[in-house]
């Protein structure tokens, strides 16, 4: 009997193993018109899944008793038991109720489709769309897909060269909040110029590998009450992949043809047209490898990891000014008229001396001209022009997303990323040999072009536990993030030190750290009306921002131009018996015309040569710039979402935040949606918002060089806590406050879904930077700034923005293929409402003070400096082994306003304002599926090489083109291999 029982047990166990063994299931998914590519096939109860190929085919490993779930936008979800079958062919039926992707952003209740939300939310399917997109950086992908999203990349401008600050609805980058898997993302340590006119700290999205992203959700509505400070313009949520069992890799290479446009209709002079010619050489070569792989665990958990390795060369778009406007040499240089601090002559034109003995008067005369000496040295004007363009970069990143069940009701999760980027840029004016205060014949006989670089490290790690506690679901998490940037310059020097100065310098390091501890609870009461979701929770956030000084030579003032008396009553006379001369060749004499006398040996000094101080192009951060500041933030919120009926939804949120440096603030939000019919609904919201000045804004200070008509000036941006700010009467920065209104509707007509939303955002006490104050206009600053210039951050004024946003989606079968069309657009008006002018300690008139406090250039940059409209039309079509993406983008007009009155080209005096007409660009991507595991994509961005308009003559110094529409790099072409293993 015992043997019979044992044998029976073994047979039952064998049957169970056979029943539950792993099998490979293949099949084809179709609809009434043919195969369906892109259908999600998931093993129920796990995260294991695949997507059907261009022919609707799929292959997946599962247990023989598994249930497969088939889902696709616009079709009813289907569940099919495998029952041991190795082939499952299914047909999906269209469903008017299956509208779009479900989203979690903007709600703490059940996920809703983007047509069922009370506020507008865009869903960008990165996992699906990336294969045909020419863009690889995440922020650029979003800018190409969502009209309200922009990510301006500077072609020059010091620290701004190294980030692409993202922005929503024409507002500042730090007025937009970024989440990853619903958790707050830390910002960059870099405080960089933005497209809206005011430097901002922003999330640097390039460190998140795009191949590890499932989708992006963009909430276009104020959400400070839901998610906290910074969410004035909206929220971007990055949702990471969870897939397992398959390795996906891409290898992308591309470059820019660097073909100049037709200058026939521009206002370039004939000489400039000849100088600003294309080199004919491609540039900006870049290569990128992306890889993603997920591992599934037996208990239903997963670990999904992604890697990114990228390298790109710089693009160069020079601004070549005529020789008469930007001469490389001056008369003293050409005629060997310069001397060192002791009056010893410096031979700067040895070619002239060598020729003078030949008696060739024509050649001698030629060598005393800028053109002649440049020709003798084999130098063209383009060689000494200003270079604008994208920096060279080396980027490496790793990210992961994981979840592990701990019990039947509790899960542990973690996600994060680590990245490193080295980049160097041409972001400086060329230092011409004619600029005697900052050039050296011994080091740089023909001038030099300084270059700035950064080493950036970025780390993010979130861990948490989700589960059930009584009737409530809870989420306990901790999110840590840090970013550091070490700055350096090469091909530079500190002229005030002399020729012993290093030519490469460490400028300092900036770091930002953020740690957020969150506890959230939510519960859905289905018996209250048609359902009530209650959510509440709290947050404790700690932030730290630090600036470490660079090496001393990068910020110090040397004594190379100073003479100290070596004997009593020493006259400043050179070896030729004449008084010493300054940099301009003028003798240094007293009121009587005699050489200046230094009365006391070892004590008396005279500045003979006023050599430029600090590292050229970008002063290093000095000990007085160092900072190590902390802040803590505590918050509590409650969020309610009530389905009053099947047709009426109303939601509200209230949030209390306490800042250790700003006190308490309460923000609120109410939103609603009403379905007039099954396919038409109206929606709207009102919210109050709040943004505390970032630690970067509060604690960043720096001295800098800026140019007016190619003439350098040195200034300092001071902290509001500085003695300079106190002397002028500048107070501490205060928070920005906002209110946000929106009203719109959603509808679905057959296979077309459409949303239209109008909004208005008022922002009070927006942070700006002042113009430069000097000792002449502000005598109280004289003891502090001397001959320098001073600027400050201020709550400069109140602003508003209003607009209309529309999105239309249409998906259908066309012939034997699948057609998807998306047309979206935004129409916006930004307005500077009024200036908040305090009583400052200056001798300026009220009108002069107002213009310097928030100048017309900054106001113009906010109001009209970025396109007020942007339209994007995208067509996706797949058939057989081919798929293609065709995208057209129309950028609205831009108008720049000059910040100061100047002499114009026609001889009159006025502002050099300029209007830039709308621009239209086309992107293209075509993919051919070589095999089940390999696809080839080719295409380009701005394939017709459309450049923006030329900047007018008076402002054409650093950049040749406007950068605020499609940028100035021209067309870009790429090839990409996508493979699965």
Foldseek 3Di string as FASTA:
>chain_A
DVVVVVVVVVVVVVVVCLQFPKDKAKEFEEEPQAGDWQKWKDFPLFQAIDTAHLRRIDIGIGTQQTWIWIDDAQWDIDIHTNNNPRYDYYYTHGDPVRHADWDCPPDPDDTDGQQPDQFHKDKFFLQPPVQFFPDFQPLVVVVQPAVQKAFFAWLFDPPSLPAGQIDGNLDGSQLEFEAEVNHGDDWALDQHAHLLQFTHTHRRRRQDGSNQFRIKMWTQFQQCLPHNFSRQRTYIYTYTRFYADWKWKKKKKWWFQQADDDCPPFPDDPVQVVVQGGPRHIFFIKIKMKMKHKHADPQNKIKIKMKMWMWTAKFWRWQQDDCVLPPQADQCLLVQNDAFLQRHTDNLQVVLVVCVVVPPVVLNVLSSDSVSVCVVVVHDSRNQTQITTRWTKIKIKMKMWIKDDPDPFKIKIKIKMKMKMKIKHQHFHWAGVHPVQFDDCVLCSGTWGKMKMKIKIKIKMKIWMWGDDVQKIKIWMKIKIKMKIWMKMARWFFPQAPPVTHRIWTQWMKMKIKMKTKMKIWHWDCPPQNIKIKMKIKMKMKMKIKIGWIDQQQADGHHRQKDAAQAAFAFQAHPVRAAQAESVRHHCPDPVRGTDTFGHHPPGMDRRYNHHGGIPQFGGQDPVLTDIDMKMKMKIKMKMWDDNHPFKIKIKMKMWMQIPPAGIDIKMKIKMKGAPDPFKIKIKMKIKHKHFDDPSQQRGKGKGWDDASNHIAIAIEDHCVDPLVVLFVAHHQHMKMKMKIKIWMWGDDPQKIKIKMKMKMKIFLQKRKFAWDACQFAVSCCVPAPGHTYMYIGSWAIKMKIKMKMKMWGWDADNQKIKIKIKIKMAMFIAGDDTDDDDTRTNDDPVVRNCRGQNPQSRLSSGFAAFRMKIKMWMWMRHDQKIKIKMKMKGAKGKGWARDWDQDPVRDIGIQIDIWHIDMFMWMKMWGRPDPFKIKIKIKTSQVFDATGARDDSPSRNDGGRQRTPGGSTMMIMMMMMGMD
